[in-house]
Amino acid sequence: MNATTAPAAMPPRRVLGAYLAEARSECLRYLRAPSFILPMTLFSTVFYLMFGVLLNHPGSDASRYLLASYTAFGVMGPGLFGFGASLAIERDGGLLTLKRALPMPPGAYLLGKMMMAMVAASLVVVLLLALGLTVGGVSLGPARVLAMLAVGAFGVLPFCALGMFVGTLIKGQGAPGLLNLVYLPMAFLSGLWLPISMLPGALQTLAPVWPSYHLNQLTLSAVGLRAGSLLPHVLALLAFAAAFLLLAARRLRRYG
């Protein structure tokens, strides 16, 4: 018989195993790379140590405010750089093409990078909480600590989508520079370095445009410095993540 038999579908257990193996390899690969993990974890912690601890009274509202804002600042980094810069570099090197040729689920590569970013963001939050609860004199109950960890782990996802989109726009060598042009101004304009009330009026009006503003509202609520509904901020982050994920997926389909 000359009839061609269609290949059998991969069993669900093997599909799940492929996703888990890719996520594990991505996490180990970047956690074992000092050039990635050290800047990601130390950048925001050093800033908080200088401005939230040394230049403020331990246990003050300012120290708590800066713990929340530098947590948001630190969480952005693994999504933008761990996802965006690495994706751009791996596209240039042909690794993404190789991954597509392997017998693995098509989404495993991207899911693995998302898991890596979530692990790195959680590590940033743990380090900042350790500083805040010890030398910073910040007092947080177990529920607020868990809320901070949850915001950090899931709050990185919109920035993964943004990083993924930027990674499809530019060559690998130029990605870190472009991402810094996104990362640092967005943090400033969202009130992560200075309270929004200290910014010019026009910039205060534009602050809700940035996803980092909405993430900061969640971290401020987690440390007890903000009251009110969090649903608008959660929905804004979900909409931002979905929009940039769709844009990035479209470019990957077209240009690889």
C-alpha atoms as a PDB file:
ATOM      1  CA  MET A   1       0.000   0.000   0.000  1.00  0.00           C
ATOM      2  CA  ASN A   2       1.216   3.489  -0.886  1.00  0.00           C
ATOM      3  CA  ALA A   3      -1.089   5.336   1.461  1.00  0.00           C
ATOM      4  CA  THR A   4       0.736   7.593   3.852  1.00  0.00           C
ATOM      5  CA  THR A   5      -0.059   7.085   7.491  1.00  0.00           C
ATOM      6  CA  ALA A   6      -0.387  10.288   9.530  1.00  0.00           C
ATOM      7  CA  PRO A   7       1.951  10.453  12.509  1.00  0.00           C
ATOM      8  CA  ALA A   8       0.343   9.626  15.805  1.00  0.00           C
ATOM      9  CA  ALA A   9      -0.354  12.522  18.118  1.00  0.00           C
ATOM     10  CA  MET A  10       1.954  12.872  21.074  1.00  0.00           C
ATOM     11  CA  PRO A  11       0.308  11.554  24.265  1.00  0.00           C
ATOM     12  CA  PRO A  12      -0.756  14.287  26.719  1.00  0.00           C
ATOM     13  CA  ARG A  13       1.707  13.020  29.314  1.00  0.00           C
ATOM     14  CA  ARG A  14       4.615  13.469  26.892  1.00  0.00           C
ATOM     15  CA  VAL A  15       3.357  16.919  25.881  1.00  0.00           C
ATOM     16  CA  LEU A  16       3.288  17.979  29.521  1.00  0.00           C
ATOM     17  CA  GLY A  17       6.745  16.493  30.025  1.00  0.00           C
ATOM     18  CA  ALA A  18       8.072  18.484  27.069  1.00  0.00           C
ATOM     19  CA  TYR A  19       6.691  21.731  28.511  1.00  0.00           C
ATOM     20  CA  LEU A  20       8.148  20.997  31.941  1.00  0.00           C
ATOM     21  CA  ALA A  21      11.542  19.985  30.524  1.00  0.00           C
ATOM     22  CA  GLU A  22      11.796  23.186  28.473  1.00  0.00           C
ATOM     23  CA  ALA A  23      10.767  25.331  31.440  1.00  0.00           C
ATOM     24  CA  ARG A  24      13.319  23.594  33.662  1.00  0.00           C
ATOM     25  CA  SER A  25      16.125  24.010  31.132  1.00  0.00           C
ATOM     26  CA  GLU A  26      15.379  27.723  30.638  1.00  0.00           C
ATOM     27  CA  CYS A  27      15.299  28.380  34.378  1.00  0.00           C
ATOM     28  CA  LEU A  28      18.551  26.502  35.011  1.00  0.00           C
ATOM     29  CA  ARG A  29      20.276  28.082  32.023  1.00  0.00           C
ATOM     30  CA  TYR A  30      19.654  31.636  33.186  1.00  0.00           C
ATOM     31  CA  LEU A  31      19.954  31.064  36.918  1.00  0.00           C
ATOM     32  CA  ARG A  32      23.427  29.622  36.243  1.00  0.00           C
ATOM     33  CA  ALA A  33      24.432  32.694  34.181  1.00  0.00           C
ATOM     34  CA  PRO A  34      25.882  35.373  36.523  1.00  0.00           C
ATOM     35  CA  SER A  35      25.800  37.971  33.729  1.00  0.00           C
ATOM     36  CA  PHE A  36      22.009  37.672  33.720  1.00  0.00           C
ATOM     37  CA  ILE A  37      20.924  36.827  37.238  1.00  0.00           C
ATOM     38  CA  LEU A  38      23.186  39.239  39.146  1.00  0.00           C
ATOM     39  CA  PRO A  39      22.101  42.449  37.366  1.00  0.00           C
ATOM     40  CA  MET A  40      18.466  41.343  37.485  1.00  0.00           C
ATOM     41  CA  THR A  41      18.505  40.734  41.229  1.00  0.00           C
ATOM     42  CA  LEU A  42      20.973  43.371  42.431  1.00  0.00           C
ATOM     43  CA  PHE A  43      19.914  46.421  40.408  1.00  0.00           C
ATOM     44  CA  SER A  44      16.668  47.120  42.265  1.00  0.00           C
ATOM     45  CA  THR A  45      17.957  45.837  45.624  1.00  0.00           C
ATOM     46  CA  VAL A  46      20.932  48.222  45.574  1.00  0.00           C
ATOM     47  CA  PHE A  47      18.621  51.121  44.692  1.00  0.00           C
ATOM     48  CA  TYR A  48      16.284  50.214  47.547  1.00  0.00           C
ATOM     49  CA  LEU A  49      19.173  49.825  49.975  1.00  0.00           C
ATOM     50  CA  MET A  50      20.455  53.303  49.094  1.00  0.00           C
ATOM     51  CA  PHE A  51      17.220  55.263  48.830  1.00  0.00           C
ATOM     52  CA  GLY A  52      14.776  53.187  50.858  1.00  0.00           C
ATOM     53  CA  VAL A  53      17.028  52.305  53.779  1.00  0.00           C
ATOM     54  CA  LEU A  54      20.123  54.514  54.053  1.00  0.00           C
ATOM     55  CA  LEU A  55      18.401  57.780  53.114  1.00  0.00           C
ATOM     56  CA  ASN A  56      15.163  57.131  55.027  1.00  0.00           C
ATOM     57  CA  HIS A  57      14.179  56.356  58.582  1.00  0.00           C
ATOM     58  CA  PRO A  58      13.744  52.577  58.984  1.00  0.00           C
ATOM     59  CA  GLY A  59      10.111  51.619  59.328  1.00  0.00           C
ATOM     60  CA  SER A  60       8.799  54.902  57.915  1.00  0.00           C
ATOM     61  CA  ASP A  61       6.074  55.140  55.267  1.00  0.00           C
ATOM     62  CA  ALA A  62       8.731  56.318  52.833  1.00  0.00           C
ATOM     63  CA  SER A  63      10.697  53.110  53.329  1.00  0.00           C
ATOM     64  CA  ARG A  64       7.532  51.074  52.807  1.00  0.00           C
ATOM     65  CA  TYR A  65       6.574  53.109  49.737  1.00  0.00           C
ATOM     66  CA  LEU A  66      10.011  52.580  48.213  1.00  0.00           C
ATOM     67  CA  LEU A  67       9.879  48.867  48.991  1.00  0.00           C
ATOM     68  CA  ALA A  68       6.689  48.674  46.921  1.00  0.00           C
ATOM     69  CA  SER A  69       7.943  50.875  44.079  1.00  0.00           C
ATOM     70  CA  TYR A  70      11.354  49.213  43.781  1.00  0.00           C
ATOM     71  CA  THR A  71       9.644  45.839  43.832  1.00  0.00           C
ATOM     72  CA  ALA A  72       7.658  46.926  40.778  1.00  0.00           C
ATOM     73  CA  PHE A  73      10.867  48.275  39.239  1.00  0.00           C
ATOM     74  CA  GLY A  74      12.740  45.037  39.914  1.00  0.00           C
ATOM     75  CA  VAL A  75       9.937  42.827  38.593  1.00  0.00           C
ATOM     76  CA  MET A  76       9.954  44.608  35.230  1.00  0.00           C
ATOM     77  CA  GLY A  77      13.564  43.644  34.492  1.00  0.00           C
ATOM     78  CA  PRO A  78      13.305  39.845  34.115  1.00  0.00           C
ATOM     79  CA  GLY A  79      10.361  40.247  31.764  1.00  0.00           C
ATOM     80  CA  LEU A  80      11.954  42.877  29.551  1.00  0.00           C
ATOM     81  CA  PHE A  81      15.540  41.640  29.475  1.00  0.00           C
ATOM     82  CA  GLY A  82      15.219  37.947  30.295  1.00  0.00           C
ATOM     83  CA  PHE A  83      12.555  37.570  27.638  1.00  0.00           C
ATOM     84  CA  GLY A  84      13.128  40.368  25.139  1.00  0.00           C
ATOM     85  CA  ALA A  85      16.911  40.573  24.902  1.00  0.00           C
ATOM     86  CA  SER A  86      17.407  36.808  24.967  1.00  0.00           C
ATOM     87  CA  LEU A  87      14.727  36.281  22.322  1.00  0.00           C
ATOM     88  CA  ALA A  88      16.399  38.814  20.005  1.00  0.00           C
ATOM     89  CA  ILE A  89      19.828  37.229  20.506  1.00  0.00           C
ATOM     90  CA  GLU A  90      18.514  33.704  19.984  1.00  0.00           C
ATOM     91  CA  ARG A  91      16.656  34.738  16.827  1.00  0.00           C
ATOM     92  CA  ASP A  92      19.902  36.128  15.429  1.00  0.00           C
ATOM     93  CA  GLY A  93      21.822  32.981  16.351  1.00  0.00           C
ATOM     94  CA  GLY A  94      19.284  30.638  14.756  1.00  0.00           C
ATOM     95  CA  LEU A  95      18.287  28.974  18.022  1.00  0.00           C
ATOM     96  CA  LEU A  96      14.637  29.845  17.533  1.00  0.00           C
ATOM     97  CA  THR A  97      14.691  28.185  14.096  1.00  0.00           C
ATOM     98  CA  LEU A  98      16.301  25.104  15.629  1.00  0.00           C
ATOM     99  CA  LYS A  99      13.691  24.983  18.384  1.00  0.00           C
ATOM    100  CA  ARG A 100      10.923  25.016  15.784  1.00  0.00           C
ATOM    101  CA  ALA A 101      12.494  22.047  14.014  1.00  0.00           C
ATOM    102  CA  LEU A 102      12.632  19.945  17.182  1.00  0.00           C
ATOM    103  CA  PRO A 103       9.801  17.510  18.024  1.00  0.00           C
ATOM    104  CA  MET A 104       8.441  19.666  20.829  1.00  0.00           C
ATOM    105  CA  PRO A 105       5.201  21.608  21.346  1.00  0.00           C
ATOM    106  CA  PRO A 106       5.436  24.988  19.583  1.00  0.00           C
ATOM    107  CA  GLY A 107       4.609  26.970  22.716  1.00  0.00           C
ATOM    108  CA  ALA A 108       7.105  25.221  25.000  1.00  0.00           C
ATOM    109  CA  TYR A 109       9.946  27.630  24.167  1.00  0.00           C
ATOM    110  CA  LEU A 110       7.922  30.733  25.039  1.00  0.00           C
ATOM    111  CA  LEU A 111       6.353  29.134  28.099  1.00  0.00           C
ATOM    112  CA  GLY A 112       9.809  28.164  29.336  1.00  0.00           C
ATOM    113  CA  LYS A 113      10.979  31.765  29.065  1.00  0.00           C
ATOM    114  CA  MET A 114       7.872  32.969  30.899  1.00  0.00           C
ATOM    115  CA  MET A 115       8.535  30.529  33.731  1.00  0.00           C
ATOM    116  CA  MET A 116      12.158  31.677  33.889  1.00  0.00           C
ATOM    117  CA  ALA A 117      11.029  35.299  34.161  1.00  0.00           C
ATOM    118  CA  MET A 118       8.551  34.424  36.912  1.00  0.00           C
ATOM    119  CA  VAL A 119      11.258  32.619  38.900  1.00  0.00           C
ATOM    120  CA  ALA A 120      13.693  35.536  38.500  1.00  0.00           C
ATOM    121  CA  ALA A 121      11.002  38.072  39.459  1.00  0.00           C
ATOM    122  CA  SER A 122      10.104  36.039  42.550  1.00  0.00           C
ATOM    123  CA  LEU A 123      13.771  35.988  43.540  1.00  0.00           C
ATOM    124  CA  VAL A 124      13.898  39.791  43.232  1.00  0.00           C
ATOM    125  CA  VAL A 125      10.853  40.117  45.486  1.00  0.00           C
ATOM    126  CA  VAL A 126      12.354  37.768  48.080  1.00  0.00           C
ATOM    127  CA  LEU A 127      15.577  39.786  48.232  1.00  0.00           C
ATOM    128  CA  LEU A 128      13.737  43.104  48.533  1.00  0.00           C
ATOM    129  CA  LEU A 129      11.450  41.729  51.232  1.00  0.00           C
ATOM    130  CA  ALA A 130      14.473  40.405  53.130  1.00  0.00           C
ATOM    131  CA  LEU A 131      16.019  43.891  53.079  1.00  0.00           C
ATOM    132  CA  GLY A 132      12.775  45.653  53.922  1.00  0.00           C
ATOM    133  CA  LEU A 133      11.852  43.380  56.815  1.00  0.00           C
ATOM    134  CA  THR A 134      15.326  43.514  58.359  1.00  0.00           C
ATOM    135  CA  VAL A 135      17.412  46.634  57.802  1.00  0.00           C
ATOM    136  CA  GLY A 136      14.483  48.601  56.345  1.00  0.00           C
ATOM    137  CA  GLY A 137      12.381  48.141  59.457  1.00  0.00           C
ATOM    138  CA  VAL A 138       9.228  47.507  57.403  1.00  0.00           C
ATOM    139  CA  SER A 139       6.578  45.473  59.195  1.00  0.00           C
ATOM    140  CA  LEU A 140       4.418  43.207  57.009  1.00  0.00           C
ATOM    141  CA  GLY A 141       2.180  40.351  58.057  1.00  0.00           C
ATOM    142  CA  PRO A 142       2.286  36.934  56.357  1.00  0.00           C
ATOM    143  CA  ALA A 143      -0.690  37.795  54.136  1.00  0.00           C
ATOM    144  CA  ARG A 144       1.018  40.935  52.817  1.00  0.00           C
ATOM    145  CA  VAL A 145       4.266  39.053  52.217  1.00  0.00           C
ATOM    146  CA  LEU A 146       2.378  36.443  50.197  1.00  0.00           C
ATOM    147  CA  ALA A 147       0.587  39.209  48.304  1.00  0.00           C
ATOM    148  CA  MET A 148       3.925  40.769  47.370  1.00  0.00           C
ATOM    149  CA  LEU A 149       5.229  37.410  46.134  1.00  0.00           C
ATOM    150  CA  ALA A 150       2.079  36.816  44.076  1.00  0.00           C
ATOM    151  CA  VAL A 151       2.209  40.293  42.530  1.00  0.00           C
ATOM    152  CA  GLY A 152       5.865  39.788  41.652  1.00  0.00           C
ATOM    153  CA  ALA A 153       5.429  36.336  40.127  1.00  0.00           C
ATOM    154  CA  PHE A 154       2.439  37.229  37.962  1.00  0.00           C
ATOM    155  CA  GLY A 155       3.127  40.929  37.488  1.00  0.00           C
ATOM    156  CA  VAL A 156       6.151  40.119  35.338  1.00  0.00           C
ATOM    157  CA  LEU A 157       3.989  38.608  32.579  1.00  0.00           C
ATOM    158  CA  PRO A 158       2.903  41.875  30.876  1.00  0.00           C
ATOM    159  CA  PHE A 159       6.568  42.852  30.652  1.00  0.00           C
ATOM    160  CA  CYS A 160       7.363  39.448  29.156  1.00  0.00           C
ATOM    161  CA  ALA A 161       4.856  40.299  26.412  1.00  0.00           C
ATOM    162  CA  LEU A 162       6.417  43.733  25.896  1.00  0.00           C
ATOM    163  CA  GLY A 163       9.922  42.249  25.889  1.00  0.00           C
ATOM    164  CA  MET A 164       8.821  39.582  23.428  1.00  0.00           C
ATOM    165  CA  PHE A 165       7.471  42.256  21.089  1.00  0.00           C
ATOM    166  CA  VAL A 166      10.656  44.337  21.288  1.00  0.00           C
ATOM    167  CA  GLY A 167      12.694  41.177  20.715  1.00  0.00           C
ATOM    168  CA  THR A 168      10.946  40.687  17.372  1.00  0.00           C
ATOM    169  CA  LEU A 169      11.713  44.242  16.229  1.00  0.00           C
ATOM    170  CA  ILE A 170      15.484  44.479  16.558  1.00  0.00           C
ATOM    171  CA  LYS A 171      18.697  42.538  16.203  1.00  0.00           C
ATOM    172  CA  GLY A 172      20.227  40.911  19.246  1.00  0.00           C
ATOM    173  CA  GLN A 173      23.073  43.366  19.804  1.00  0.00           C
ATOM    174  CA  GLY A 174      20.746  46.367  19.832  1.00  0.00           C
ATOM    175  CA  ALA A 175      18.038  44.834  22.037  1.00  0.00           C
ATOM    176  CA  PRO A 176      19.502  45.719  25.476  1.00  0.00           C
ATOM    177  CA  GLY A 177      19.947  49.377  24.498  1.00  0.00           C
ATOM    178  CA  LEU A 178      16.409  49.689  23.152  1.00  0.00           C
ATOM    179  CA  LEU A 179      14.970  47.898  26.173  1.00  0.00           C
ATOM    180  CA  ASN A 180      16.767  50.321  28.500  1.00  0.00           C
ATOM    181  CA  LEU A 181      15.159  53.188  26.576  1.00  0.00           C
ATOM    182  CA  VAL A 182      11.813  51.582  27.411  1.00  0.00           C
ATOM    183  CA  TYR A 183      12.611  50.371  30.932  1.00  0.00           C
ATOM    184  CA  LEU A 184      14.071  53.441  32.624  1.00  0.00           C
ATOM    185  CA  PRO A 185      11.772  56.208  31.292  1.00  0.00           C
ATOM    186  CA  MET A 186       8.699  54.039  31.917  1.00  0.00           C
ATOM    187  CA  ALA A 187       9.786  53.474  35.530  1.00  0.00           C
ATOM    188  CA  PHE A 188      10.292  57.206  36.066  1.00  0.00           C
ATOM    189  CA  LEU A 189       7.007  58.209  34.414  1.00  0.00           C
ATOM    190  CA  SER A 190       5.077  55.645  36.474  1.00  0.00           C
ATOM    191  CA  GLY A 191       6.164  57.067  39.825  1.00  0.00           C
ATOM    192  CA  LEU A 192       8.549  54.268  40.726  1.00  0.00           C
ATOM    193  CA  TRP A 193      11.410  56.607  41.609  1.00  0.00           C
ATOM    194  CA  LEU A 194       9.416  59.659  42.715  1.00  0.00           C
ATOM    195  CA  PRO A 195       5.791  59.871  43.850  1.00  0.00           C
ATOM    196  CA  ILE A 196       3.544  60.800  40.941  1.00  0.00           C
ATOM    197  CA  SER A 197       2.446  63.918  42.833  1.00  0.00           C
ATOM    198  CA  MET A 198       5.981  65.289  42.387  1.00  0.00           C
ATOM    199  CA  LEU A 199       5.861  64.983  38.583  1.00  0.00           C
ATOM    200  CA  PRO A 200       4.622  67.790  36.291  1.00  0.00           C
ATOM    201  CA  GLY A 201       0.867  67.849  35.769  1.00  0.00           C
ATOM    202  CA  ALA A 202       0.952  66.551  32.198  1.00  0.00           C
ATOM    203  CA  LEU A 203       3.095  63.569  33.229  1.00  0.00           C
ATOM    204  CA  GLN A 204       0.757  62.796  36.117  1.00  0.00           C
ATOM    205  CA  THR A 205      -2.117  62.579  33.632  1.00  0.00           C
ATOM    206  CA  LEU A 206      -0.189  60.181  31.393  1.00  0.00           C
ATOM    207  CA  ALA A 207       0.986  57.889  34.213  1.00  0.00           C
ATOM    208  CA  PRO A 208      -1.901  55.358  33.862  1.00  0.00           C
ATOM    209  CA  VAL A 209      -0.816  54.731  30.259  1.00  0.00           C
ATOM    210  CA  TRP A 210       2.180  52.725  31.470  1.00  0.00           C
ATOM    211  CA  PRO A 211       1.816  49.130  32.715  1.00  0.00           C
ATOM    212  CA  SER A 212       4.408  49.813  35.405  1.00  0.00           C
ATOM    213  CA  TYR A 213       1.996  52.325  36.971  1.00  0.00           C
ATOM    214  CA  HIS A 214      -0.663  49.638  37.377  1.00  0.00           C
ATOM    215  CA  LEU A 215       1.873  47.149  38.723  1.00  0.00           C
ATOM    216  CA  ASN A 216       2.992  49.759  41.247  1.00  0.00           C
ATOM    217  CA  GLN A 217      -0.593  50.218  42.422  1.00  0.00           C
ATOM    218  CA  LEU A 218      -0.724  46.486  43.159  1.00  0.00           C
ATOM    219  CA  THR A 219       2.544  46.519  45.116  1.00  0.00           C
ATOM    220  CA  LEU A 220       1.431  49.608  47.060  1.00  0.00           C
ATOM    221  CA  SER A 221      -1.776  47.812  47.972  1.00  0.00           C
ATOM    222  CA  ALA A 222       0.205  44.731  49.012  1.00  0.00           C
ATOM    223  CA  VAL A 223       2.221  46.765  51.565  1.00  0.00           C
ATOM    224  CA  GLY A 224      -0.897  48.542  52.831  1.00  0.00           C
ATOM    225  CA  LEU A 225      -0.339  51.994  51.321  1.00  0.00           C
ATOM    226  CA  ARG A 226      -3.266  51.967  48.928  1.00  0.00           C
ATOM    227  CA  ALA A 227      -6.965  51.336  49.396  1.00  0.00           C
ATOM    228  CA  GLY A 228      -9.658  50.789  46.801  1.00  0.00           C
ATOM    229  CA  SER A 229     -10.450  48.311  44.065  1.00  0.00           C
ATOM    230  CA  LEU A 230      -7.537  46.575  42.355  1.00  0.00           C
ATOM    231  CA  LEU A 231      -9.634  45.186  39.518  1.00  0.00           C
ATOM    232  CA  PRO A 232      -9.017  48.106  37.081  1.00  0.00           C
ATOM    233  CA  HIS A 233      -5.266  47.711  37.497  1.00  0.00           C
ATOM    234  CA  VAL A 234      -5.398  43.933  37.041  1.00  0.00           C
ATOM    235  CA  LEU A 235      -7.535  44.327  33.914  1.00  0.00           C
ATOM    236  CA  ALA A 236      -5.181  46.980  32.538  1.00  0.00           C
ATOM    237  CA  LEU A 237      -2.195  44.638  32.966  1.00  0.00           C
ATOM    238  CA  LEU A 238      -4.088  41.750  31.358  1.00  0.00           C
ATOM    239  CA  ALA A 239      -5.085  43.920  28.399  1.00  0.00           C
ATOM    240  CA  PHE A 240      -1.519  45.159  27.979  1.00  0.00           C
ATOM    241  CA  ALA A 241      -0.144  41.606  28.101  1.00  0.00           C
ATOM    242  CA  ALA A 242      -2.710  40.309  25.596  1.00  0.00           C
ATOM    243  CA  ALA A 243      -2.151  43.180  23.152  1.00  0.00           C
ATOM    244  CA  PHE A 244       1.627  42.855  23.024  1.00  0.00           C
ATOM    245  CA  LEU A 245       1.491  39.065  23.010  1.00  0.00           C
ATOM    246  CA  LEU A 246      -0.701  39.171  19.910  1.00  0.00           C
ATOM    247  CA  LEU A 247       1.557  41.727  18.222  1.00  0.00           C
ATOM    248  CA  ALA A 248       4.671  39.685  19.019  1.00  0.00           C
ATOM    249  CA  ALA A 249       3.101  36.416  17.866  1.00  0.00           C
ATOM    250  CA  ARG A 250       2.089  38.055  14.596  1.00  0.00           C
ATOM    251  CA  ARG A 251       5.635  39.259  13.944  1.00  0.00           C
ATOM    252  CA  LEU A 252       7.113  35.872  14.843  1.00  0.00           C
ATOM    253  CA  ARG A 253       4.809  34.160  12.373  1.00  0.00           C
ATOM    254  CA  ARG A 254       5.807  36.604   9.638  1.00  0.00           C
ATOM    255  CA  TYR A 255       9.505  37.076  10.251  1.00  0.00           C
ATOM    256  CA  GLY A 256      10.561  34.220  12.527  1.00  0.00           C
END
